Amino acid sequence: MEIMRLEDVIDLPNRGVVLKISVDETDPYKITKLKNLIGSKIAVRNVDGTSFEFEIKDVSVSFSIANFPLIGLNIRERVDIERIKKGSNIQFV
């Protein structure tokens, strides 16, 4: 899983900023290994050319009834969610 796509940005009162992402990967074993990435850094490259770097604080992984992965990356930094654009690419640094 090299590049992921940002589907939504959510600011949760008790958790902070969560990046909801989609991946092309369909193997549940590989997706659940995302939990090992806590503490890793990611780069968010906005569609407008700006970019940000964040540290992963927590990862939530679940699957829809159709077995589609639902992944949330909780980031450590506080940021104005309006600055992060849906459709951006996310890469590990």
N, C-alpha and C. Protein backbone atom coordinates (compact mmCIF):
# COMPACT_ATOMS: atom_id res chain seq x y z
N MET A 1 0.84 -1.18 0.00
CA MET A 1 0.00 0.00 0.00
C MET A 1 0.88 1.23 0.00
N GLU A 2 1.17 1.74 -1.13
CA GLU A 2 2.04 2.90 -1.24
C GLU A 2 1.25 4.21 -1.17
N ILE A 3 0.30 4.38 -2.08
CA ILE A 3 -0.47 5.61 -2.15
C ILE A 3 -1.92 5.31 -1.80
N MET A 4 -2.46 6.15 -0.93
CA MET A 4 -3.86 6.02 -0.55
C MET A 4 -4.58 7.31 -0.94
N ARG A 5 -5.89 7.24 -1.03
CA ARG A 5 -6.68 8.40 -1.43
C ARG A 5 -7.51 8.88 -0.23
N LEU A 6 -7.50 10.18 0.00
CA LEU A 6 -8.26 10.78 1.09
C LEU A 6 -9.71 10.95 0.67
N GLU A 7 -10.61 10.32 1.41
CA GLU A 7 -12.04 10.38 1.11
C GLU A 7 -12.75 11.44 1.94
N ASP A 8 -12.30 11.65 3.18
CA ASP A 8 -12.97 12.60 4.06
C ASP A 8 -12.05 12.98 5.20
N VAL A 9 -12.29 14.14 5.79
CA VAL A 9 -11.55 14.61 6.96
C VAL A 9 -12.58 14.91 8.03
N ILE A 10 -12.41 14.32 9.20
CA ILE A 10 -13.39 14.46 10.27
C ILE A 10 -12.68 14.95 11.53
N ASP A 11 -13.26 15.93 12.21
CA ASP A 11 -12.72 16.40 13.49
C ASP A 11 -13.63 15.88 14.58
N LEU A 12 -13.17 14.86 15.31
CA LEU A 12 -13.96 14.24 16.37
C LEU A 12 -13.56 14.84 17.72
N PRO A 13 -14.53 15.28 18.52
CA PRO A 13 -14.22 15.94 19.79
C PRO A 13 -13.31 15.14 20.71
N ASN A 14 -13.49 13.84 20.80
CA ASN A 14 -12.71 13.03 21.74
C ASN A 14 -11.44 12.44 21.14
N ARG A 15 -11.31 12.47 19.81
CA ARG A 15 -10.16 11.82 19.16
C ARG A 15 -9.26 12.77 18.41
N GLY A 16 -9.77 13.88 17.95
CA GLY A 16 -8.99 14.79 17.13
C GLY A 16 -9.31 14.59 15.65
N VAL A 17 -8.35 14.90 14.80
CA VAL A 17 -8.57 14.84 13.36
C VAL A 17 -8.34 13.41 12.85
N VAL A 18 -9.32 12.92 12.09
CA VAL A 18 -9.25 11.59 11.50
C VAL A 18 -9.34 11.73 9.99
N LEU A 19 -8.39 11.11 9.29
CA LEU A 19 -8.40 11.08 7.83
C LEU A 19 -9.01 9.76 7.40
N LYS A 20 -10.14 9.82 6.73
CA LYS A 20 -10.80 8.61 6.23
C LYS A 20 -10.22 8.34 4.84
N ILE A 21 -9.63 7.16 4.67
CA ILE A 21 -8.94 6.87 3.42
C ILE A 21 -9.50 5.64 2.73
N SER A 22 -9.22 5.56 1.45
CA SER A 22 -9.53 4.35 0.69
C SER A 22 -8.24 3.83 0.09
N VAL A 23 -8.19 2.53 -0.05
CA VAL A 23 -7.01 1.89 -0.65
C VAL A 23 -7.50 0.91 -1.70
N ASP A 24 -6.63 0.60 -2.64
CA ASP A 24 -6.98 -0.38 -3.67
C ASP A 24 -6.81 -1.80 -3.16
N GLU A 25 -6.13 -1.94 -2.04
CA GLU A 25 -5.84 -3.26 -1.47
C GLU A 25 -7.14 -3.93 -1.01
N THR A 26 -7.29 -5.20 -1.31
CA THR A 26 -8.49 -5.92 -0.87
C THR A 26 -8.16 -7.06 0.09
N ASP A 27 -6.89 -7.35 0.30
CA ASP A 27 -6.49 -8.41 1.21
C ASP A 27 -6.64 -7.94 2.66
N PRO A 28 -7.61 -8.49 3.42
CA PRO A 28 -7.84 -8.03 4.79
C PRO A 28 -6.60 -8.14 5.68
N TYR A 29 -5.75 -9.15 5.46
CA TYR A 29 -4.56 -9.30 6.29
C TYR A 29 -3.62 -8.10 6.11
N LYS A 30 -3.40 -7.68 4.88
CA LYS A 30 -2.52 -6.54 4.63
C LYS A 30 -3.11 -5.25 5.19
N ILE A 31 -4.41 -5.10 5.08
CA ILE A 31 -5.05 -3.88 5.57
C ILE A 31 -4.98 -3.81 7.09
N THR A 32 -5.21 -4.91 7.78
CA THR A 32 -5.17 -4.88 9.23
C THR A 32 -3.76 -4.63 9.76
N LYS A 33 -2.74 -4.84 8.96
CA LYS A 33 -1.37 -4.54 9.35
C LYS A 33 -1.14 -3.04 9.47
N LEU A 34 -2.10 -2.22 9.03
CA LEU A 34 -1.98 -0.77 9.18
C LEU A 34 -1.82 -0.38 10.65
N LYS A 35 -2.35 -1.18 11.57
CA LYS A 35 -2.21 -0.89 13.00
C LYS A 35 -0.75 -0.76 13.40
N ASN A 36 0.13 -1.46 12.70
CA ASN A 36 1.56 -1.40 12.99
C ASN A 36 2.18 -0.04 12.64
N LEU A 37 1.42 0.81 11.98
CA LEU A 37 1.96 2.07 11.51
C LEU A 37 1.80 3.22 12.50
N ILE A 38 1.24 2.93 13.68
CA ILE A 38 1.09 3.98 14.69
C ILE A 38 2.47 4.54 15.02
N GLY A 39 2.59 5.86 14.99
CA GLY A 39 3.87 6.53 15.20
C GLY A 39 4.59 6.88 13.91
N SER A 40 4.14 6.30 12.79
CA SER A 40 4.74 6.59 11.49
C SER A 40 4.29 7.96 10.99
N LYS A 41 5.02 8.48 10.02
CA LYS A 41 4.65 9.76 9.41
C LYS A 41 4.06 9.53 8.03
N ILE A 42 3.09 10.40 7.69
CA ILE A 42 2.49 10.37 6.37
C ILE A 42 2.58 11.77 5.76
N ALA A 43 2.59 11.81 4.44
CA ALA A 43 2.54 13.08 3.71
C ALA A 43 1.20 13.13 2.98
N VAL A 44 0.49 14.22 3.18
CA VAL A 44 -0.78 14.45 2.48
C VAL A 44 -0.50 15.47 1.41
N ARG A 45 -0.69 15.08 0.15
CA ARG A 45 -0.45 15.98 -0.99
C ARG A 45 -1.80 16.37 -1.56
N ASN A 46 -2.17 17.63 -1.27
CA ASN A 46 -3.46 18.15 -1.73
C ASN A 46 -3.50 18.25 -3.25
N VAL A 47 -4.71 18.21 -3.77
CA VAL A 47 -4.90 18.34 -5.21
C VAL A 47 -4.48 19.72 -5.71
N ASP A 48 -4.41 20.72 -4.80
CA ASP A 48 -4.01 22.07 -5.20
C ASP A 48 -2.50 22.28 -5.13
N GLY A 49 -1.75 21.21 -4.80
CA GLY A 49 -0.29 21.30 -4.79
C GLY A 49 0.33 21.50 -3.42
N THR A 50 -0.45 21.89 -2.41
CA THR A 50 0.10 22.04 -1.07
C THR A 50 0.26 20.66 -0.44
N SER A 51 1.15 20.58 0.56
CA SER A 51 1.33 19.30 1.22
C SER A 51 1.56 19.50 2.71
N PHE A 52 1.25 18.47 3.48
CA PHE A 52 1.38 18.47 4.92
C PHE A 52 2.00 17.16 5.35
N GLU A 53 2.67 17.17 6.50
CA GLU A 53 3.21 15.95 7.06
C GLU A 53 2.62 15.76 8.46
N PHE A 54 2.12 14.56 8.75
CA PHE A 54 1.48 14.27 10.01
C PHE A 54 2.00 12.96 10.58
N GLU A 55 1.87 12.82 11.91
CA GLU A 55 2.20 11.56 12.57
C GLU A 55 0.91 10.82 12.89
N ILE A 56 0.90 9.52 12.64
CA ILE A 56 -0.28 8.70 12.91
C ILE A 56 -0.34 8.40 14.41
N LYS A 57 -1.44 8.79 15.05
CA LYS A 57 -1.65 8.56 16.48
C LYS A 57 -2.40 7.24 16.71
N ASP A 58 -3.33 6.93 15.82
CA ASP A 58 -4.12 5.71 15.95
C ASP A 58 -4.68 5.35 14.58
N VAL A 59 -5.02 4.09 14.41
CA VAL A 59 -5.59 3.60 13.16
C VAL A 59 -6.83 2.79 13.49
N SER A 60 -7.92 3.07 12.78
CA SER A 60 -9.10 2.23 12.93
C SER A 60 -9.37 1.56 11.60
N VAL A 61 -9.58 0.25 11.67
CA VAL A 61 -9.82 -0.54 10.47
C VAL A 61 -11.09 -1.34 10.69
N SER A 62 -12.01 -1.22 9.76
CA SER A 62 -13.21 -2.06 9.79
C SER A 62 -13.58 -2.37 8.35
N PHE A 63 -14.56 -3.22 8.20
CA PHE A 63 -14.97 -3.62 6.86
C PHE A 63 -16.48 -3.48 6.72
N SER A 64 -16.91 -2.99 5.58
CA SER A 64 -18.34 -2.86 5.32
C SER A 64 -18.93 -4.25 5.10
N ILE A 65 -20.22 -4.30 5.01
CA ILE A 65 -20.91 -5.58 4.77
C ILE A 65 -20.49 -6.19 3.44
N ALA A 66 -20.04 -5.36 2.51
CA ALA A 66 -19.57 -5.84 1.20
C ALA A 66 -18.07 -6.13 1.24
N ASN A 67 -17.48 -6.16 2.46
CA ASN A 67 -16.06 -6.42 2.67
C ASN A 67 -15.17 -5.32 2.09
N PHE A 68 -15.69 -4.10 2.00
CA PHE A 68 -14.90 -2.95 1.56
C PHE A 68 -14.19 -2.36 2.78
N PRO A 69 -12.87 -2.13 2.71
CA PRO A 69 -12.16 -1.62 3.88
C PRO A 69 -12.53 -0.17 4.20
N LEU A 70 -12.76 0.07 5.49
CA LEU A 70 -13.03 1.41 6.00
C LEU A 70 -11.89 1.74 6.95
N ILE A 71 -11.06 2.71 6.58
CA ILE A 71 -9.84 2.98 7.32
C ILE A 71 -9.83 4.45 7.77
N GLY A 72 -9.53 4.65 9.05
CA GLY A 72 -9.39 5.99 9.59
C GLY A 72 -8.02 6.15 10.20
N LEU A 73 -7.30 7.20 9.79
CA LEU A 73 -5.99 7.51 10.37
C LEU A 73 -6.17 8.71 11.28
N ASN A 74 -6.02 8.50 12.57
CA ASN A 74 -6.12 9.57 13.56
C ASN A 74 -4.73 10.20 13.64
N ILE A 75 -4.64 11.50 13.34
CA ILE A 75 -3.33 12.16 13.33
C ILE A 75 -3.09 12.91 14.64
N ARG A 76 -1.83 13.03 14.99
CA ARG A 76 -1.43 13.66 16.25
C ARG A 76 -1.62 15.18 16.21
N GLU A 77 -1.38 15.78 15.08
CA GLU A 77 -1.40 17.23 14.96
C GLU A 77 -2.83 17.78 14.90
N ARG A 78 -3.00 18.98 15.44
CA ARG A 78 -4.26 19.71 15.30
C ARG A 78 -4.11 20.57 14.05
N VAL A 79 -5.09 20.52 13.18
CA VAL A 79 -5.01 21.28 11.93
C VAL A 79 -6.43 21.67 11.53
N ASP A 80 -6.54 22.81 10.86
CA ASP A 80 -7.83 23.25 10.33
C ASP A 80 -8.20 22.29 9.19
N ILE A 81 -9.28 21.54 9.38
CA ILE A 81 -9.63 20.51 8.40
C ILE A 81 -9.98 21.08 7.04
N GLU A 82 -10.28 22.36 6.97
CA GLU A 82 -10.57 22.99 5.68
C GLU A 82 -9.33 23.06 4.80
N ARG A 83 -8.15 22.95 5.39
CA ARG A 83 -6.89 23.04 4.64
C ARG A 83 -6.53 21.73 3.94
N ILE A 84 -7.17 20.63 4.37
CA ILE A 84 -6.88 19.32 3.79
C ILE A 84 -8.03 18.98 2.84
N LYS A 85 -7.72 18.76 1.59
CA LYS A 85 -8.74 18.58 0.55
C LYS A 85 -9.03 17.11 0.27
N LYS A 86 -10.32 16.80 0.13
CA LYS A 86 -10.74 15.46 -0.27
C LYS A 86 -10.14 15.16 -1.65
N GLY A 87 -9.76 13.92 -1.86
CA GLY A 87 -9.16 13.53 -3.13
C GLY A 87 -7.64 13.62 -3.10
N SER A 88 -7.07 14.11 -2.00
CA SER A 88 -5.61 14.21 -1.88
C SER A 88 -5.00 12.82 -1.81
N ASN A 89 -3.71 12.75 -2.16
CA ASN A 89 -2.96 11.50 -2.05
C ASN A 89 -2.23 11.46 -0.73
N ILE A 90 -2.17 10.29 -0.13
CA ILE A 90 -1.45 10.10 1.13
C ILE A 90 -0.38 9.05 0.90
N GLN A 91 0.84 9.39 1.33
CA GLN A 91 1.97 8.46 1.20
C GLN A 91 2.68 8.37 2.53
N PHE A 92 3.30 7.23 2.80
CA PHE A 92 4.12 7.09 4.00
C PHE A 92 5.48 7.69 3.72
N VAL A 93 6.06 8.36 4.74
CA VAL A 93 7.38 8.96 4.59
C VAL A 93 8.41 8.17 5.34
